[in-house]
Amino acid sequence: MDNFLQWFFSFITTMFKGVWNGIKSFFLGIVAIFDFPTYFGMLGNYHFQWYEWIFIVLAIILVYAFWAGLIFLIVILIRKYIRFRRTVVGKEDLLEEIANLNRSVIKLTKEKEEIIKLKVGANLSVDDLMNAENPEDAAKAAMEGEGVAAEGPADQRFYRLAAVDEKYTFFEPKPYENNYSLKEICDALRNYACSNNKLYYDIKTIRLMIAGLSSTKMVLLQGISGTGKTSLPYVMGKFFQNDATIASVQPSWRDRSELFGYFNEFTKKFNETEVLRRIYESGYNDDINIIVLDEMNIARVEYYFAEMLSILEMPDPTEWKIQLVSAVWDSDPKKLVDGKLSIPENIWYVGTANNDDSTFSISDKVYDRAFIINLDSKGVPFKAQEQAAVRVSYSYVADLYKKAVTDDSVSQDLLDQVEQLDNYVIEHFRVAFGNRILKQLKTFIPVFRACGGDTLEGLDYMLATKVFRKFEMLNLGLIRDEIKGLINQLDNIFGKDKMTECIAYLRRLQKSY
């Protein structure tokens, strides 16, 4: 063991001597660099000419300038490295703080949602729940008291839908006035809006609205604020003597429960919305029922309306069903079969959208399935004759739609022209029409003609809003020159300046680049 200790002492001593010699040599080297007495002594060993002294002074200045520059560069590099490390450390601290805040936000959001659910189920204020030592106990206590008792029998979880069943037990509807043509309906609706509500709509807008609903169940009204987007479906409900249900979309809407409601596990009741009640009641009548989703893009449409969009795409209306609850109760509403709600055909869905920084962009999935009407200008006042509200049935209007498509179908020549344009757009822009758009076109154009519109006018509007709208997703800088050729192609196929909507839209795209 003594030998090991002696060896280890020698080993460590030699190592530290090397370290000390290195440090000592470094400082001795610095001292030698600036050993001016030695340098001046060296000058005495030589005999210089007068001009050689000039070179000596320059040499000394240049050498020490080099060392000064080197030291300055080293200092700059050290300072930059220190700043860089401070920035990196600062960013890491900031990211860690942001991550902690995000975790706190997620936790608080979950707690808020739980509190709101308890509030809704127990009829308590948020303050009451927050101040309670145990919010769940406070909610349960309230539910055992006045909260639940106010909503009917304990075994009835669909209170509002059950009230609809009771209403229609002995209900006798008023007779319908099924003696209007589509053109007369459009004219009467425009006059009614003017004479009763002081709302001035262009006749083309009314025709687009009525004809658009023949090709799809969803109409999207978009444009600047104040152009009557919400007022149009509202006045339609008044005109058809069946007020529209207006649901104001909120930024917090994330799923379908915001639209249809949800089952509250605390109260054992279904939290029914007005939209759910309207859909259910529509199954009892043949009225035209209008549901308005006001400011629908203030939340992401795909979050809360995607299921409905998919259901309405099914070709068989008997398959239009939404699962509300998984378990079946004997006291469930009559028209709720196996916990599923059937979506009646006599409902028109109208969405309004403002395109500004406070809203979300609407996806292609929604645009393709809906009929788009742009309201970008205020209505021009006009004189209209007094018009009373009318009462027509949905079945009658649906029959008018079918009759228009059957008796005045789209001609093969027009379909060939559309196909020619489709091929051109695919070749130059890599954008295709799609079967859904062609199907809607074959329904919309005959109905638009029956409403008093023109064939090319309807085709022009549909191509502009359904097809050329997709150009906004392309690189406008690359297709700018191609757009001019497309405008010429439209003139060649359909006639000079016939497609005014399409040409005006394409020229706006050119100017936007």
Protein backbone atom coordinates (compact mmCIF):
# COMPACT_ATOMS: atom_id res chain seq x y z
CA MET A 1 0.00 0.00 0.00
CA ASP A 2 2.95 2.33 0.77
CA ASN A 3 4.30 1.80 -2.71
CA PHE A 4 0.94 2.78 -4.20
CA LEU A 5 0.76 5.95 -2.12
CA GLN A 6 4.28 6.92 -3.08
CA TRP A 7 3.47 6.33 -6.74
CA PHE A 8 0.20 8.23 -6.56
CA PHE A 9 1.92 11.20 -4.82
CA SER A 10 4.59 11.27 -7.53
CA PHE A 11 1.93 10.99 -10.24
CA ILE A 12 -0.21 13.87 -8.92
CA THR A 13 2.88 16.02 -8.15
CA THR A 14 4.20 15.61 -11.68
CA MET A 15 0.77 16.43 -13.17
CA PHE A 16 0.35 19.64 -11.15
CA LYS A 17 3.93 20.64 -11.93
CA GLY A 18 3.01 20.38 -15.61
CA VAL A 19 -0.09 22.51 -15.05
CA TRP A 20 1.90 25.08 -13.06
CA ASN A 21 4.65 25.17 -15.68
CA GLY A 22 2.03 25.73 -18.37
CA ILE A 23 0.44 28.62 -16.47
CA LYS A 24 3.86 30.07 -15.56
CA SER A 25 5.06 29.77 -19.16
CA PHE A 26 1.94 31.55 -20.41
CA PHE A 27 2.43 34.54 -18.13
CA LEU A 28 6.19 34.53 -18.67
CA GLY A 29 5.46 34.62 -22.43
CA ILE A 30 3.19 37.65 -21.97
CA VAL A 31 5.86 39.37 -19.85
CA ALA A 32 8.49 38.58 -22.51
CA ILE A 33 6.28 40.09 -25.22
CA PHE A 34 6.17 43.39 -23.37
CA ASP A 35 9.78 43.32 -21.99
CA PHE A 36 10.66 46.81 -23.24
CA PRO A 37 14.00 47.11 -21.26
CA THR A 38 15.34 44.04 -23.05
CA TYR A 39 14.22 45.46 -26.41
CA PHE A 40 15.96 48.78 -25.73
CA GLY A 41 19.10 46.91 -24.59
CA MET A 42 19.16 45.01 -27.87
CA LEU A 43 19.31 48.30 -29.77
CA GLY A 44 22.68 49.06 -28.16
CA ASN A 45 24.24 45.97 -29.73
CA TYR A 46 23.84 47.36 -33.27
CA HIS A 47 24.94 50.42 -35.20
CA PHE A 48 22.11 51.72 -37.38
CA GLN A 49 22.05 54.26 -40.17
CA TRP A 50 19.57 57.11 -39.73
CA TYR A 51 17.06 55.68 -42.18
CA GLU A 52 17.22 52.27 -40.44
CA TRP A 53 15.80 53.91 -37.31
CA ILE A 54 12.71 54.75 -39.32
CA PHE A 55 12.23 51.05 -40.18
CA ILE A 56 12.80 50.11 -36.53
CA VAL A 57 10.05 52.47 -35.34
CA LEU A 58 7.67 51.23 -38.06
CA ALA A 59 8.43 47.58 -37.23
CA ILE A 60 7.74 48.16 -33.51
CA ILE A 61 4.48 49.97 -34.30
CA LEU A 62 3.29 47.28 -36.74
CA VAL A 63 4.16 44.39 -34.41
CA TYR A 64 2.41 45.90 -31.41
CA ALA A 65 -0.53 46.94 -33.58
CA PHE A 66 -0.85 43.30 -34.58
CA TRP A 67 -0.87 42.20 -30.95
CA ALA A 68 -3.35 44.94 -30.02
CA GLY A 69 -5.61 43.93 -32.90
CA LEU A 70 -5.40 40.26 -31.89
CA ILE A 71 -6.27 41.07 -28.27
CA PHE A 72 -9.14 43.33 -29.43
CA LEU A 73 -10.48 40.56 -31.66
CA ILE A 74 -10.29 38.04 -28.81
CA VAL A 75 -12.18 40.44 -26.51
CA ILE A 76 -14.88 41.02 -29.16
CA LEU A 77 -15.30 37.28 -29.70
CA ILE A 78 -15.58 36.69 -25.95
CA ARG A 79 -18.21 39.45 -25.61
CA LYS A 80 -20.21 38.05 -28.54
CA TYR A 81 -20.07 34.58 -27.07
CA ILE A 82 -21.29 35.91 -23.71
CA ARG A 83 -24.17 37.76 -25.43
CA PHE A 84 -25.04 34.64 -27.43
CA ARG A 85 -25.10 32.50 -24.32
CA ARG A 86 -27.25 35.07 -22.53
CA THR A 87 -29.69 35.09 -25.49
CA VAL A 88 -29.83 31.29 -25.63
CA VAL A 89 -30.33 31.02 -21.89
CA GLY A 90 -32.95 33.81 -22.03
CA LYS A 91 -34.84 32.05 -24.82
CA GLU A 92 -34.72 28.76 -22.97
CA ASP A 93 -36.06 30.44 -19.84
CA LEU A 94 -38.76 32.19 -21.87
CA LEU A 95 -39.79 28.95 -23.62
CA GLU A 96 -39.92 27.18 -20.28
CA GLU A 97 -42.06 29.98 -18.86
CA ILE A 98 -44.39 29.83 -21.90
CA ALA A 99 -44.68 26.05 -21.52
CA ASN A 100 -45.57 26.49 -17.84
CA LEU A 101 -48.19 29.12 -18.75
CA ASN A 102 -49.67 26.84 -21.44
CA ARG A 103 -49.95 24.02 -18.94
CA SER A 104 -51.62 26.40 -16.51
CA VAL A 105 -54.04 27.63 -19.20
CA ILE A 106 -54.99 24.05 -20.15
CA LYS A 107 -55.57 23.20 -16.51
CA LEU A 108 -57.65 26.34 -15.90
CA THR A 109 -59.65 25.76 -19.10
CA LYS A 110 -60.56 22.25 -17.98
CA GLU A 111 -61.57 23.56 -14.57
CA LYS A 112 -63.64 26.32 -16.22
CA GLU A 113 -65.45 23.79 -18.45
CA GLU A 114 -66.23 21.61 -15.46
CA ILE A 115 -67.55 24.61 -13.53
CA ILE A 116 -69.72 25.70 -16.46
CA LYS A 117 -71.14 22.19 -16.81
CA LEU A 118 -71.93 22.17 -13.11
CA LYS A 119 -73.50 25.64 -13.44
CA VAL A 120 -75.70 24.58 -16.36
CA GLY A 121 -76.80 21.42 -14.65
CA ALA A 122 -77.50 22.93 -11.26
CA ASN A 123 -78.72 26.45 -12.09
CA LEU A 124 -75.95 27.94 -9.95
CA SER A 125 -73.93 31.03 -10.72
CA VAL A 126 -70.25 30.67 -11.42
CA ASP A 127 -69.46 32.74 -8.29
CA ASP A 128 -71.49 30.36 -6.14
CA LEU A 129 -69.56 27.40 -7.47
CA MET A 130 -66.17 29.12 -7.18
CA ASN A 131 -66.86 30.20 -3.58
CA ALA A 132 -68.08 26.76 -2.53
CA GLU A 133 -65.57 24.52 -0.78
CA ASN A 134 -66.59 21.63 -3.02
CA PRO A 135 -68.24 22.74 -6.30
CA GLU A 136 -69.49 19.24 -7.14
CA ASP A 137 -71.25 18.91 -3.79
CA ALA A 138 -72.79 22.37 -4.25
CA ALA A 139 -74.09 21.40 -7.70
CA LYS A 140 -75.47 18.07 -6.53
CA ALA A 141 -77.21 19.75 -3.60
CA ALA A 142 -78.83 22.27 -5.90
CA MET A 143 -79.90 19.54 -8.32
CA GLU A 144 -81.58 17.62 -5.54
CA GLY A 145 -83.52 20.81 -4.77
CA GLU A 146 -85.09 23.33 -7.12
CA GLY A 147 -82.81 22.79 -10.14
CA VAL A 148 -84.20 19.48 -11.31
CA ALA A 149 -87.74 19.93 -10.17
CA ALA A 150 -88.18 22.88 -12.51
CA GLU A 151 -87.67 20.71 -15.54
CA GLY A 152 -90.58 18.35 -15.37
CA PRO A 153 -90.81 14.68 -14.39
CA ALA A 154 -87.72 12.99 -13.03
CA ASP A 155 -87.90 10.25 -15.67
CA GLN A 156 -88.12 12.75 -18.58
CA ARG A 157 -84.69 13.79 -19.87
CA PHE A 158 -85.89 15.59 -23.05
CA TYR A 159 -88.17 18.20 -21.52
CA ARG A 160 -88.45 20.53 -24.56
CA LEU A 161 -88.85 17.71 -27.09
CA ALA A 162 -91.53 16.11 -24.92
CA ALA A 163 -93.33 19.48 -24.97
CA VAL A 164 -93.27 19.34 -28.79
CA ASP A 165 -94.84 15.86 -28.70
CA GLU A 166 -97.57 17.19 -26.43
CA LYS A 167 -98.15 20.25 -28.64
CA TYR A 168 -98.75 18.17 -31.76
CA THR A 169 -100.99 15.59 -30.09
CA PHE A 170 -104.15 17.49 -31.06
CA PHE A 171 -102.60 20.11 -33.35
CA GLU A 172 -104.42 20.98 -36.58
CA PRO A 173 -102.24 22.97 -39.04
CA LYS A 174 -103.61 25.83 -41.11
CA PRO A 175 -104.22 25.11 -44.80
CA TYR A 176 -101.41 25.87 -47.24
CA GLU A 177 -101.66 28.23 -50.20
CA ASN A 178 -99.98 26.00 -52.75
CA ASN A 179 -100.82 28.01 -55.85
CA TYR A 180 -97.63 30.01 -56.48
CA SER A 181 -94.96 29.50 -59.09
CA LEU A 182 -91.28 29.84 -58.21
CA LYS A 183 -91.12 33.18 -60.03
CA GLU A 184 -94.16 34.44 -58.11
CA ILE A 185 -92.61 33.32 -54.83
CA CYS A 186 -89.42 35.26 -55.61
CA ASP A 187 -91.30 38.41 -56.59
CA ALA A 188 -93.64 38.18 -53.60
CA LEU A 189 -90.73 37.64 -51.17
CA ARG A 190 -88.87 40.69 -52.52
CA ASN A 191 -92.00 42.86 -52.26
CA TYR A 192 -92.76 41.55 -48.77
CA ALA A 193 -89.23 42.40 -47.54
CA CYS A 194 -89.59 45.91 -48.96
CA SER A 195 -93.16 46.73 -47.92
CA ASN A 196 -93.10 45.18 -44.45
CA ASN A 197 -89.49 45.36 -43.28
CA LYS A 198 -87.93 48.13 -45.41
CA LEU A 199 -85.33 45.66 -46.66
CA TYR A 200 -84.26 46.16 -50.27
CA TYR A 201 -82.87 43.15 -52.07
CA ASP A 202 -82.02 42.83 -55.74
CA ILE A 203 -84.30 40.33 -57.48
CA LYS A 204 -81.23 38.35 -58.52
CA THR A 205 -80.32 37.83 -54.86
CA ILE A 206 -83.79 36.45 -54.12
CA ARG A 207 -83.63 34.14 -57.14
CA LEU A 208 -80.20 32.91 -56.11
CA MET A 209 -81.50 32.22 -52.60
CA ILE A 210 -84.56 30.23 -53.69
CA ALA A 211 -82.78 28.40 -56.52
CA GLY A 212 -79.65 27.74 -54.45
CA LEU A 213 -81.70 25.88 -51.85
CA SER A 214 -82.83 23.48 -54.56
CA SER A 215 -79.27 22.25 -55.14
CA THR A 216 -78.15 22.05 -51.52
CA LYS A 217 -79.61 22.35 -48.04
CA MET A 218 -76.99 24.91 -47.00
CA VAL A 219 -76.74 28.49 -48.23
CA LEU A 220 -73.81 30.66 -47.16
CA LEU A 221 -74.36 34.43 -47.19
CA GLN A 222 -71.06 36.27 -47.03
CA GLY A 223 -69.88 39.83 -47.48
CA ILE A 224 -69.37 43.08 -45.62
CA SER A 225 -71.32 43.92 -42.49
CA GLY A 226 -74.63 45.74 -42.89
CA THR A 227 -75.74 44.27 -46.23
CA GLY A 228 -78.67 42.27 -44.79
CA LYS A 229 -77.15 38.79 -44.50
CA THR A 230 -79.03 37.85 -41.33
CA SER A 231 -82.11 39.85 -42.30
CA LEU A 232 -82.70 37.84 -45.48
CA PRO A 233 -83.41 34.45 -43.82
CA TYR A 234 -85.20 36.28 -41.01
CA VAL A 235 -87.63 37.94 -43.41
CA MET A 236 -88.03 34.65 -45.30
CA GLY A 237 -89.25 33.04 -42.09
CA LYS A 238 -91.76 35.86 -41.66
CA PHE A 239 -92.81 35.57 -45.31
CA PHE A 240 -93.49 31.82 -45.02
CA GLN A 241 -95.26 32.37 -41.67
CA ASN A 242 -92.76 30.21 -39.81
CA ASP A 243 -90.14 32.30 -38.02
CA ALA A 244 -86.52 31.35 -38.57
CA THR A 245 -84.49 29.96 -35.67
CA ILE A 246 -81.35 32.07 -35.32
CA ALA A 247 -78.38 30.50 -33.53
CA SER A 248 -75.58 32.96 -32.80
CA VAL A 249 -72.31 31.06 -33.18
CA GLN A 250 -69.81 31.70 -30.37
CA PRO A 251 -65.98 31.61 -30.60
CA SER A 252 -65.93 28.79 -28.03
CA TRP A 253 -67.90 26.35 -30.20
CA ARG A 254 -65.72 23.28 -30.63
CA ASP A 255 -68.04 20.36 -31.26
CA ARG A 256 -71.62 19.44 -32.17
CA SER A 257 -72.81 19.64 -28.55
CA GLU A 258 -72.85 23.42 -28.92
CA LEU A 259 -75.44 23.01 -31.69
CA PHE A 260 -77.50 20.03 -30.54
CA GLY A 261 -76.88 19.95 -26.79
CA TYR A 262 -75.52 17.21 -24.52
CA PHE A 263 -76.57 14.79 -21.80
CA ASN A 264 -75.80 16.10 -18.31
CA GLU A 265 -74.59 13.26 -16.11
CA PHE A 266 -75.36 15.19 -12.91
CA THR A 267 -78.96 16.11 -13.65
CA LYS A 268 -79.64 13.07 -15.85
CA LYS A 269 -81.25 15.52 -18.27
CA PHE A 270 -80.39 16.36 -21.87
CA ASN A 271 -79.38 19.99 -22.25
CA GLU A 272 -81.53 20.81 -25.29
CA THR A 273 -80.77 23.72 -27.62
CA GLU A 274 -83.26 25.72 -29.66
CA VAL A 275 -81.74 24.26 -32.84
CA LEU A 276 -82.40 20.73 -31.58
CA ARG A 277 -85.99 21.61 -30.73
CA ARG A 278 -86.54 23.16 -34.18
CA ILE A 279 -85.13 20.13 -35.99
CA TYR A 280 -87.31 17.82 -33.93
CA GLU A 281 -90.45 19.90 -34.44
CA SER A 282 -89.82 20.04 -38.21
CA GLY A 283 -90.57 16.32 -38.30
CA TYR A 284 -94.18 17.07 -37.29
CA ASN A 285 -95.00 19.59 -40.02
CA ASP A 286 -94.60 20.28 -43.72
CA ASP A 287 -93.64 23.92 -43.22
CA ILE A 288 -90.50 25.52 -44.60
CA ASN A 289 -88.20 25.62 -41.57
CA ILE A 290 -85.17 27.90 -41.63
CA ILE A 291 -82.24 27.58 -39.22
CA VAL A 292 -79.73 30.46 -39.30
CA LEU A 293 -76.14 30.03 -38.11
CA ASP A 294 -75.26 33.66 -37.57
CA GLU A 295 -71.55 34.59 -37.83
CA MET A 296 -70.83 30.92 -38.45
CA ASN A 297 -67.10 31.42 -39.14
CA ILE A 298 -66.43 33.14 -35.82
CA ALA A 299 -65.58 29.55 -34.82
CA ARG A 300 -64.27 26.80 -37.09
CA VAL A 301 -67.26 25.44 -39.00
CA GLU A 302 -65.66 21.99 -39.24
CA TYR A 303 -65.67 21.69 -35.44
CA TYR A 304 -69.40 21.98 -34.81
CA PHE A 305 -71.12 21.45 -38.18
CA ALA A 306 -69.01 18.79 -39.91
CA GLU A 307 -71.30 15.92 -38.96
CA MET A 308 -74.36 17.72 -40.33
CA LEU A 309 -72.56 18.52 -43.59
CA SER A 310 -71.69 14.85 -44.04
CA ILE A 311 -75.21 13.68 -43.20
CA LEU A 312 -76.85 16.05 -45.69
CA GLU A 313 -74.59 14.64 -48.42
CA MET A 314 -76.16 11.18 -48.10
CA PRO A 315 -78.39 10.47 -51.14
CA ASP A 316 -81.07 8.70 -49.07
CA PRO A 317 -82.86 11.14 -46.68
CA THR A 318 -83.96 8.22 -44.50
CA GLU A 319 -80.31 7.88 -43.48
CA TRP A 320 -80.12 11.45 -42.19
CA LYS A 321 -79.81 10.59 -38.50
CA ILE A 322 -77.76 11.86 -35.55
CA GLN A 323 -77.05 9.78 -32.46
CA LEU A 324 -78.04 11.88 -29.43
CA VAL A 325 -77.88 9.31 -26.64
CA SER A 326 -76.65 5.73 -26.50
CA ALA A 327 -79.14 4.34 -23.97
CA VAL A 328 -82.91 4.32 -24.61
CA TRP A 329 -85.45 5.38 -21.99
CA ASP A 330 -89.15 4.57 -22.13
CA SER A 331 -89.96 8.26 -21.61
CA ASP A 332 -87.89 9.46 -24.57
CA PRO A 333 -89.66 11.58 -27.23
CA LYS A 334 -91.77 9.71 -29.78
CA LYS A 335 -89.66 10.56 -32.80
CA LEU A 336 -86.35 9.67 -31.10
CA VAL A 337 -85.78 6.08 -32.24
CA ASP A 338 -82.93 4.14 -30.60
CA GLY A 339 -81.51 7.42 -29.35
CA LYS A 340 -81.23 8.77 -32.91
CA LEU A 341 -82.72 11.99 -34.21
CA SER A 342 -83.95 11.95 -37.82
CA ILE A 343 -83.16 15.12 -39.77
CA PRO A 344 -86.27 16.14 -41.78
CA GLU A 345 -85.95 17.33 -45.37
CA ASN A 346 -88.05 20.44 -44.79
CA ILE A 347 -85.22 22.38 -43.16
CA TRP A 348 -83.08 25.00 -44.90
CA TYR A 349 -79.81 25.91 -43.24
CA VAL A 350 -78.52 29.43 -43.81
CA GLY A 351 -75.11 30.56 -42.59
CA THR A 352 -73.83 34.11 -42.49
CA ALA A 353 -70.13 34.96 -42.62
CA ASN A 354 -68.05 38.10 -42.36
CA ASN A 355 -64.61 37.95 -43.93
CA ASP A 356 -62.32 39.93 -41.62
CA ASP A 357 -59.45 39.45 -39.18
CA SER A 358 -61.75 38.36 -36.35
CA THR A 359 -63.06 35.28 -38.17
CA PHE A 360 -61.72 31.98 -39.45
CA SER A 361 -61.40 31.18 -43.13
CA ILE A 362 -64.02 28.76 -44.44
CA SER A 363 -62.62 25.54 -45.84
CA ASP A 364 -63.23 24.06 -49.28
CA LYS A 365 -65.28 21.28 -47.68
CA VAL A 366 -67.89 23.82 -46.56
CA TYR A 367 -67.74 25.94 -49.72
CA ASP A 368 -68.25 22.91 -51.99
CA ARG A 369 -71.28 21.67 -50.07
CA ALA A 370 -72.95 25.05 -49.62
CA PHE A 371 -74.36 27.49 -52.13
CA ILE A 372 -72.57 30.82 -51.81
CA ILE A 373 -74.27 34.19 -52.15
CA ASN A 374 -72.09 37.30 -51.98
CA LEU A 375 -73.76 40.36 -50.49
CA ASP A 376 -71.19 43.09 -51.02
CA SER A 377 -73.38 46.17 -51.46
CA LYS A 378 -76.31 47.81 -49.72
CA GLY A 379 -79.75 47.43 -51.22
CA VAL A 380 -81.12 50.19 -53.42
CA PRO A 381 -84.55 51.42 -52.23
CA PHE A 382 -87.46 50.85 -54.59
CA LYS A 383 -91.23 51.06 -54.52
CA ALA A 384 -93.06 47.80 -54.02
CA GLN A 385 -96.71 46.90 -53.82
CA GLU A 386 -98.06 45.71 -50.49
CA GLN A 387 -97.46 42.01 -50.07
CA ALA A 388 -98.87 39.76 -47.35
CA ALA A 389 -97.12 36.69 -45.99
CA VAL A 390 -97.89 33.42 -47.72
CA ARG A 391 -98.15 29.89 -46.43
CA VAL A 392 -96.75 27.27 -48.79
CA SER A 393 -95.65 23.79 -47.84
CA TYR A 394 -92.15 22.45 -48.26
CA SER A 395 -93.46 19.51 -50.28
CA TYR A 396 -95.06 21.89 -52.74
CA VAL A 397 -91.82 23.86 -53.21
CA ALA A 398 -89.86 20.61 -53.54
CA ASP A 399 -92.28 19.49 -56.27
CA LEU A 400 -91.73 22.82 -58.06
CA TYR A 401 -88.01 22.15 -57.93
CA LYS A 402 -88.43 18.66 -59.38
CA LYS A 403 -90.80 19.88 -62.09
CA ALA A 404 -88.33 22.58 -63.17
CA VAL A 405 -85.48 20.06 -63.41
CA THR A 406 -87.63 17.54 -65.30
CA ASP A 407 -89.37 19.91 -67.72
CA ASP A 408 -86.45 22.24 -68.43
CA SER A 409 -83.27 20.27 -67.87
CA VAL A 410 -79.83 21.58 -68.77
CA SER A 411 -79.17 21.11 -72.48
CA GLN A 412 -76.39 18.86 -73.73
CA ASP A 413 -74.88 21.81 -75.62
CA LEU A 414 -74.44 23.72 -72.37
CA LEU A 415 -72.94 20.66 -70.68
CA ASP A 416 -70.50 20.31 -73.58
CA GLN A 417 -69.49 23.96 -73.17
CA VAL A 418 -68.96 23.42 -69.46
CA GLU A 419 -66.85 20.34 -70.19
CA GLN A 420 -64.78 22.33 -72.69
CA LEU A 421 -64.14 24.98 -70.04
CA ASP A 422 -63.39 22.29 -67.48
CA ASN A 423 -60.71 20.76 -69.71
CA TYR A 424 -59.13 24.19 -70.26
CA VAL A 425 -59.06 24.96 -66.53
CA ILE A 426 -57.55 21.54 -65.73
CA GLU A 427 -54.86 21.96 -68.39
CA HIS A 428 -53.80 25.49 -67.42
CA PHE A 429 -54.61 25.75 -63.70
CA ARG A 430 -54.82 22.14 -62.44
CA VAL A 431 -58.28 22.83 -60.98
CA ALA A 432 -61.25 20.54 -61.71
CA PHE A 433 -64.99 21.15 -61.32
CA GLY A 434 -65.81 17.93 -59.50
CA ASN A 435 -68.94 15.78 -59.72
CA ARG A 436 -70.64 17.55 -56.80
CA ILE A 437 -70.52 20.92 -58.57
CA LEU A 438 -71.85 19.43 -61.81
CA LYS A 439 -74.70 17.78 -59.90
CA GLN A 440 -75.60 21.06 -58.21
CA LEU A 441 -75.37 22.87 -61.56
CA LYS A 442 -77.86 20.49 -63.22
CA THR A 443 -80.39 21.29 -60.48
CA PHE A 444 -79.66 24.96 -59.91
CA ILE A 445 -79.85 26.25 -63.49
CA PRO A 446 -83.35 24.88 -64.35
CA VAL A 447 -84.72 26.17 -61.02
CA PHE A 448 -82.99 29.53 -61.50
CA ARG A 449 -84.70 29.80 -64.89
CA ALA A 450 -88.04 28.91 -63.27
CA CYS A 451 -87.44 31.72 -60.78
CA GLY A 452 -87.15 34.17 -63.65
CA GLY A 453 -83.40 34.11 -64.21
CA ASP A 454 -81.33 33.55 -67.33
CA THR A 455 -79.37 30.36 -68.13
CA LEU A 456 -75.97 31.96 -68.67
CA GLU A 457 -76.56 34.33 -65.75
CA GLY A 458 -77.02 31.36 -63.43
CA LEU A 459 -74.08 29.45 -64.91
CA ASP A 460 -71.90 32.55 -64.73
CA TYR A 461 -72.64 33.05 -61.03
CA MET A 462 -72.13 29.41 -60.13
CA LEU A 463 -68.78 29.13 -61.95
CA ALA A 464 -67.52 32.32 -60.31
CA THR A 465 -68.44 31.23 -56.76
CA LYS A 466 -67.84 27.49 -57.07
CA VAL A 467 -64.91 27.04 -59.46
CA PHE A 468 -62.91 30.22 -59.94
CA ARG A 469 -63.03 30.92 -56.21
CA LYS A 470 -60.52 28.06 -55.88
CA PHE A 471 -57.94 30.20 -57.71
CA GLU A 472 -57.40 32.15 -54.48
CA MET A 473 -55.45 29.16 -53.16
CA LEU A 474 -53.08 29.22 -56.15
CA ASN A 475 -49.97 31.35 -56.60
CA LEU A 476 -51.47 34.43 -58.24
CA GLY A 477 -48.07 35.55 -59.44
CA LEU A 478 -47.69 32.41 -61.54
CA ILE A 479 -51.22 32.33 -62.99
CA ARG A 480 -51.61 36.07 -63.60
CA ASP A 481 -50.81 35.81 -67.31
CA GLU A 482 -52.88 32.62 -67.67
CA ILE A 483 -55.98 34.43 -66.38
CA LYS A 484 -56.02 36.63 -69.48
CA GLY A 485 -56.18 33.52 -71.66
CA LEU A 486 -59.01 32.13 -69.50
CA ILE A 487 -61.04 35.33 -70.00
CA ASN A 488 -60.60 34.99 -73.76
CA GLN A 489 -61.65 31.34 -73.52
CA LEU A 490 -64.85 32.32 -71.68
CA ASP A 491 -65.67 34.79 -74.45
CA ASN A 492 -64.98 32.17 -77.12
CA ILE A 493 -67.12 29.46 -75.51
CA PHE A 494 -70.12 31.42 -74.20
CA GLY A 495 -70.01 34.65 -76.19
CA LYS A 496 -68.37 38.05 -75.81
CA ASP A 497 -68.86 39.51 -72.29
CA LYS A 498 -71.61 37.00 -71.43
CA MET A 499 -69.87 35.68 -68.30
CA THR A 500 -69.73 39.01 -66.47
CA GLU A 501 -69.44 37.60 -62.92
CA CYS A 502 -66.57 35.28 -63.86
CA ILE A 503 -64.68 37.94 -65.81
CA ALA A 504 -65.08 40.57 -63.09
CA TYR A 505 -63.85 38.10 -60.45
CA LEU A 506 -60.85 37.01 -62.54
CA ARG A 507 -59.86 40.62 -63.17
CA ARG A 508 -60.01 41.32 -59.44
CA LEU A 509 -57.61 38.43 -58.94
CA GLN A 510 -55.25 39.95 -61.50
CA LYS A 511 -55.29 43.31 -59.72
CA SER A 512 -54.75 41.74 -56.30
CA TYR A 513 -51.26 40.54 -57.29
